[in-house]
């Protein structure tokens, strides 16, 4: 199986960078559909963090595979023009998990965000992707090609629909699947961010911490955000993601929204 398929969110985001056991980089151009009220959406940056961190984690666990267990992304300053770039380095490689640190920079090279991920180590047989080459320890360049620029809101391209304040629904589809048939971790982060922004009546999400509890089955997915702390300039939301086919809680998140 070729992953990602021809029509997929990762191709449309068009990442390009390098990968080695000690450092993974990526850069991404900014299009209107990737932005919210004050620049690039937090969920988009979380997807960049997740994908880049996964690249270096895969180096660490071969011939095993990985699944995102925990993801944090924080915006330090708004990013309104591209490209935005990222560097990821391993903090710890264990028998059961890998922890990765991330730094995001704007077009001028100024630090604009941070991230941290924990990946669970799983058998290589879990993925649908055929591992056709050993990952070379030397830095290798890569580019995600074949996608279409995201001019409309990315949540619409992902099939997400806001059905009420803080309430979002979407189906699992090949466009947003990961390599073993669940939903891409960055997409779930994007959904959590969008629901939180909706729950607050607008604003710009600055901080996100999402826990991935179990793999998603058939869907559809229901995302619900609730404001749990309301301050003068920010609101903290707790978010729940459920697989409606089985009534299971698959992810939880905390999202801080400014404005």
Protein backbone atom coordinates (compact mmCIF):
# COMPACT_ATOMS: atom_id res chain seq x y z
CA UNK A 1 0.00 0.00 0.00
CA UNK A 2 1.22 3.50 -0.86
CA UNK A 3 0.77 5.95 1.97
CA UNK A 4 -0.47 8.59 1.87
CA UNK A 5 -2.86 7.93 -1.05
CA UNK A 6 -3.18 10.36 -3.95
CA UNK A 7 -5.90 12.38 -2.24
CA UNK A 8 -4.85 12.95 1.35
CA UNK A 9 -4.44 15.81 3.80
CA UNK A 10 -0.68 15.22 4.09
CA UNK A 11 -0.20 15.64 0.34
CA UNK A 12 -2.26 18.83 0.38
CA UNK A 13 -0.16 20.29 3.20
CA UNK A 14 2.92 19.62 1.00
CA UNK A 15 5.57 19.17 3.69
CA UNK A 16 9.21 19.01 2.64
CA UNK A 17 12.30 18.47 4.75
CA UNK A 18 14.98 16.07 5.93
CA UNK A 19 15.04 13.10 8.28
CA UNK A 20 17.78 11.37 10.27
CA UNK A 21 17.92 9.48 13.59
CA UNK A 22 18.73 12.66 15.55
CA UNK A 23 16.88 15.40 13.66
CA UNK A 24 13.79 15.70 11.48
CA UNK A 25 12.82 18.94 9.74
CA UNK A 26 9.88 20.07 7.65
CA UNK A 27 8.61 23.28 6.13
CA UNK A 28 5.13 24.20 4.94
CA UNK A 29 3.77 27.07 2.88
CA UNK A 30 0.82 29.03 4.21
CA UNK A 31 -2.45 29.20 2.25
CA UNK A 32 -5.74 30.92 3.23
CA UNK A 33 -7.44 27.66 4.18
CA UNK A 34 -4.82 26.94 6.85
CA UNK A 35 -5.42 30.19 8.74
CA UNK A 36 -7.83 31.35 11.41
CA UNK A 37 -8.47 34.80 12.78
CA UNK A 38 -4.86 35.54 13.76
CA UNK A 39 -2.76 33.36 11.50
CA UNK A 40 -2.07 29.67 11.00
CA UNK A 41 -4.48 27.48 12.95
CA UNK A 42 -3.16 25.67 15.97
CA UNK A 43 -4.53 22.38 14.62
CA UNK A 44 -2.54 22.81 11.41
CA UNK A 45 0.66 23.36 13.39
CA UNK A 46 -0.20 20.34 15.55
CA UNK A 47 -0.44 18.26 12.36
CA UNK A 48 3.00 19.51 11.32
CA UNK A 49 4.34 18.57 14.77
CA UNK A 50 2.75 15.12 14.67
CA UNK A 51 3.95 14.20 11.18
CA UNK A 52 7.50 15.48 11.67
CA UNK A 53 7.85 13.87 15.07
CA UNK A 54 6.56 10.59 13.67
CA UNK A 55 9.30 10.65 11.04
CA UNK A 56 12.08 10.69 13.59
CA UNK A 57 10.30 8.28 15.95
CA UNK A 58 10.07 5.71 13.14
CA UNK A 59 13.85 5.82 12.85
CA UNK A 60 14.10 4.95 16.52
CA UNK A 61 11.76 1.95 16.56
CA UNK A 62 12.46 0.10 13.29
CA UNK A 63 11.36 -2.57 12.50
CA UNK A 64 8.44 -1.69 14.79
CA UNK A 65 5.85 1.03 14.09
CA UNK A 66 4.35 3.86 16.15
CA UNK A 67 1.01 5.37 17.14
CA UNK A 68 0.63 8.86 18.61
CA UNK A 69 -0.31 8.66 22.30
CA UNK A 70 0.03 12.26 23.42
CA UNK A 71 0.57 15.57 21.58
CA UNK A 72 1.16 19.11 22.78
CA UNK A 73 1.43 22.23 20.62
CA UNK A 74 1.81 25.82 21.80
CA UNK A 75 1.78 29.02 19.73
CA UNK A 76 4.21 31.64 21.05
CA UNK A 77 3.50 34.28 18.41
CA UNK A 78 1.11 34.35 15.42
CA UNK A 79 2.31 33.11 12.03
CA UNK A 80 0.63 34.95 9.17
CA UNK A 81 3.08 34.34 6.32
CA UNK A 82 4.99 31.28 5.24
CA UNK A 83 6.83 29.19 5.18
CA UNK A 84 6.67 27.84 8.71
CA UNK A 85 9.36 25.32 9.60
CA UNK A 86 9.90 22.75 12.33
CA UNK A 87 12.77 20.84 13.91
CA UNK A 88 12.17 17.67 15.95
CA UNK A 89 14.63 15.83 18.16
CA UNK A 90 14.24 12.73 20.34
CA UNK A 91 14.14 13.26 24.10
CA UNK A 92 13.78 9.61 25.06
CA UNK A 93 13.63 6.31 23.21
CA UNK A 94 12.25 3.53 25.38
CA UNK A 95 11.09 -0.03 24.97
CA UNK A 96 7.43 1.02 24.92
CA UNK A 97 7.41 4.69 23.92
CA UNK A 98 9.33 7.48 22.20
CA UNK A 99 9.20 11.14 23.29
CA UNK A 100 10.00 13.86 20.76
CA UNK A 101 10.58 17.62 21.22
CA UNK A 102 9.67 20.18 18.53
CA UNK A 103 10.44 23.82 17.75
CA UNK A 104 8.48 25.83 15.18
CA UNK A 105 9.92 28.88 13.41
CA UNK A 106 8.50 31.51 11.10
CA UNK A 107 9.90 32.69 7.76
CA UNK A 108 12.46 34.88 9.57
CA UNK A 109 13.68 31.99 11.71
CA UNK A 110 12.09 33.33 14.91
CA UNK A 111 10.74 30.79 17.36
CA UNK A 112 6.95 30.92 17.05
CA UNK A 113 5.82 27.66 18.66
CA UNK A 114 6.80 24.51 20.51
CA UNK A 115 5.57 20.96 20.62
CA UNK A 116 6.09 17.63 22.35
CA UNK A 117 4.86 14.16 21.43
CA UNK A 118 4.79 10.71 22.94
CA UNK A 119 4.47 7.77 20.56
CA UNK A 120 3.53 4.27 21.60
CA UNK A 121 5.68 1.55 20.10
CA UNK A 122 3.57 -1.04 18.25
CA UNK A 123 4.35 -4.06 16.01
CA UNK A 124 5.29 -3.27 12.42
CA UNK A 125 2.50 -5.59 11.32
CA UNK A 126 -0.07 -3.04 12.53
CA UNK A 127 0.51 -0.73 9.59
CA UNK A 128 -0.94 -1.15 6.11
CA UNK A 129 2.21 0.40 4.65
CA UNK A 130 4.79 -1.93 3.21
CA UNK A 131 8.20 -1.09 4.64
CA UNK A 132 10.24 -1.18 1.45
CA UNK A 133 13.50 0.29 2.69
CA UNK A 134 15.53 0.50 5.86
CA UNK A 135 15.76 4.05 7.16
CA UNK A 136 19.26 5.30 6.36
CA UNK A 137 21.12 6.85 9.31
CA UNK A 138 22.37 9.61 7.00
CA UNK A 139 20.07 12.64 6.53
CA UNK A 140 17.64 12.06 3.68
CA UNK A 141 15.48 14.65 1.94
CA UNK A 142 11.78 14.15 1.32
CA UNK A 143 8.93 16.09 -0.25
CA UNK A 144 5.20 15.41 -0.13
CA UNK A 145 3.95 15.87 -3.69
CA UNK A 146 0.74 15.51 -5.67
CA UNK A 147 -1.59 17.53 -3.46
CA UNK A 148 -3.81 20.56 -4.03
CA UNK A 149 -3.33 23.92 -2.26
CA UNK A 150 -5.79 24.40 0.60
CA UNK A 151 -7.69 27.57 -0.27
CA UNK A 152 -10.99 26.72 1.42
CA UNK A 153 -11.05 26.10 5.22
CA UNK A 154 -9.13 22.90 5.97
CA UNK A 155 -11.86 21.65 8.31
CA UNK A 156 -14.25 21.66 5.35
CA UNK A 157 -11.84 19.71 3.19
CA UNK A 158 -11.57 17.16 6.00
CA UNK A 159 -15.37 16.80 5.98
CA UNK A 160 -15.88 18.40 9.39
CA UNK A 161 -19.21 20.08 10.12
CA UNK A 162 -20.01 22.38 13.03
CA UNK A 163 -23.49 21.37 14.18
CA UNK A 164 -23.75 23.68 17.19
CA UNK A 165 -21.59 25.76 19.55
CA UNK A 166 -18.64 23.57 20.46
CA UNK A 167 -20.07 20.59 18.55
CA UNK A 168 -18.47 19.11 15.45
CA UNK A 169 -19.15 15.93 13.46
CA UNK A 170 -17.23 14.16 10.70
CA UNK A 171 -16.86 10.78 9.05
CA UNK A 172 -13.71 8.72 8.86
CA UNK A 173 -12.49 8.80 5.26
CA UNK A 174 -9.37 7.82 3.28
CA UNK A 175 -8.48 11.53 3.08
CA UNK A 176 -7.78 11.71 6.82
CA UNK A 177 -6.74 8.15 7.67
CA UNK A 178 -3.36 7.25 9.09
CA UNK A 179 -1.20 4.35 7.94
CA UNK A 180 -3.14 1.72 9.89
CA UNK A 181 -6.68 2.80 9.10
CA UNK A 182 -7.49 5.05 12.04
CA UNK A 183 -7.68 8.87 11.84
CA UNK A 184 -4.49 10.92 11.57
CA UNK A 185 -3.51 12.33 14.96
CA UNK A 186 -3.09 15.85 13.60
CA UNK A 187 -6.61 15.73 12.16
CA UNK A 188 -8.03 14.90 15.61
CA UNK A 189 -6.05 17.83 17.02
CA UNK A 190 -7.51 20.08 14.32
CA UNK A 191 -11.03 18.89 15.17
CA UNK A 192 -10.46 19.54 18.88
CA UNK A 193 -9.17 23.03 18.14
CA UNK A 194 -12.09 23.86 15.83
CA UNK A 195 -14.64 22.69 18.41
CA UNK A 196 -12.98 24.72 21.17
CA UNK A 197 -12.91 27.90 19.07
CA UNK A 198 -16.60 27.36 18.29
CA UNK A 199 -17.43 26.84 21.98
CA UNK A 200 -15.89 30.21 22.84
CA UNK A 201 -17.70 32.05 20.08
CA UNK A 202 -14.52 32.76 18.14
CA UNK A 203 -10.94 33.65 18.96
CA UNK A 204 -7.63 31.97 18.21
CA UNK A 205 -6.44 28.76 19.88
CA UNK A 206 -2.97 29.07 21.41
CA UNK A 207 -2.35 25.89 23.40
CA UNK A 208 -3.45 22.31 22.83
CA UNK A 209 -2.79 19.08 24.71
CA UNK A 210 -4.49 15.99 23.32
CA UNK A 211 -4.46 12.41 24.59
CA UNK A 212 -5.18 9.54 22.18
CA UNK A 213 -6.97 6.86 24.16
CA UNK A 214 -7.75 4.22 21.52
CA UNK A 215 -7.93 3.65 17.78
CA UNK A 216 -11.01 4.73 15.87
CA UNK A 217 -13.30 2.14 14.34
CA UNK A 218 -15.95 2.94 11.78
CA UNK A 219 -17.01 6.39 12.99
CA UNK A 220 -18.63 8.84 12.53
CA UNK A 221 -16.86 11.00 15.08
CA UNK A 222 -18.49 13.47 17.46
CA UNK A 223 -16.39 16.24 18.98
CA UNK A 224 -17.72 18.25 21.92
CA UNK A 225 -15.99 21.21 23.58
CA UNK A 226 -16.97 22.85 26.87
CA UNK A 227 -15.57 26.01 28.43
CA UNK A 228 -14.26 25.11 31.91
CA UNK A 229 -12.36 28.32 32.74
CA UNK A 230 -13.37 31.79 31.56
CA UNK A 231 -10.86 34.59 32.09
CA UNK A 232 -10.69 38.12 30.75
CA UNK A 233 -8.51 37.38 27.74
CA UNK A 234 -8.69 33.60 27.37
CA UNK A 235 -10.92 30.57 27.83
CA UNK A 236 -9.88 27.02 28.58
CA UNK A 237 -11.93 24.26 26.95
CA UNK A 238 -12.04 20.55 27.58
CA UNK A 239 -12.79 18.50 24.47
CA UNK A 240 -14.10 14.96 24.03
CA UNK A 241 -13.90 12.94 20.79
CA UNK A 242 -16.20 9.92 20.55
CA UNK A 243 -16.56 7.17 17.96
CA UNK A 244 -20.34 7.14 17.59
CA UNK A 245 -20.43 3.66 16.05
CA UNK A 246 -19.38 2.13 19.36
CA UNK A 247 -20.03 4.98 21.79
CA UNK A 248 -16.36 4.99 22.80
CA UNK A 249 -14.26 7.92 23.96
CA UNK A 250 -11.21 7.92 21.66
CA UNK A 251 -9.49 11.23 22.54
CA UNK A 252 -9.60 14.02 25.09
CA UNK A 253 -8.00 17.42 24.82
CA UNK A 254 -7.49 20.72 26.62
CA UNK A 255 -7.44 23.80 24.39
CA UNK A 256 -6.73 27.39 25.43
CA UNK A 257 -8.43 30.01 23.22
CA UNK A 258 -7.56 33.73 23.30
CA UNK A 259 -9.98 36.57 22.67
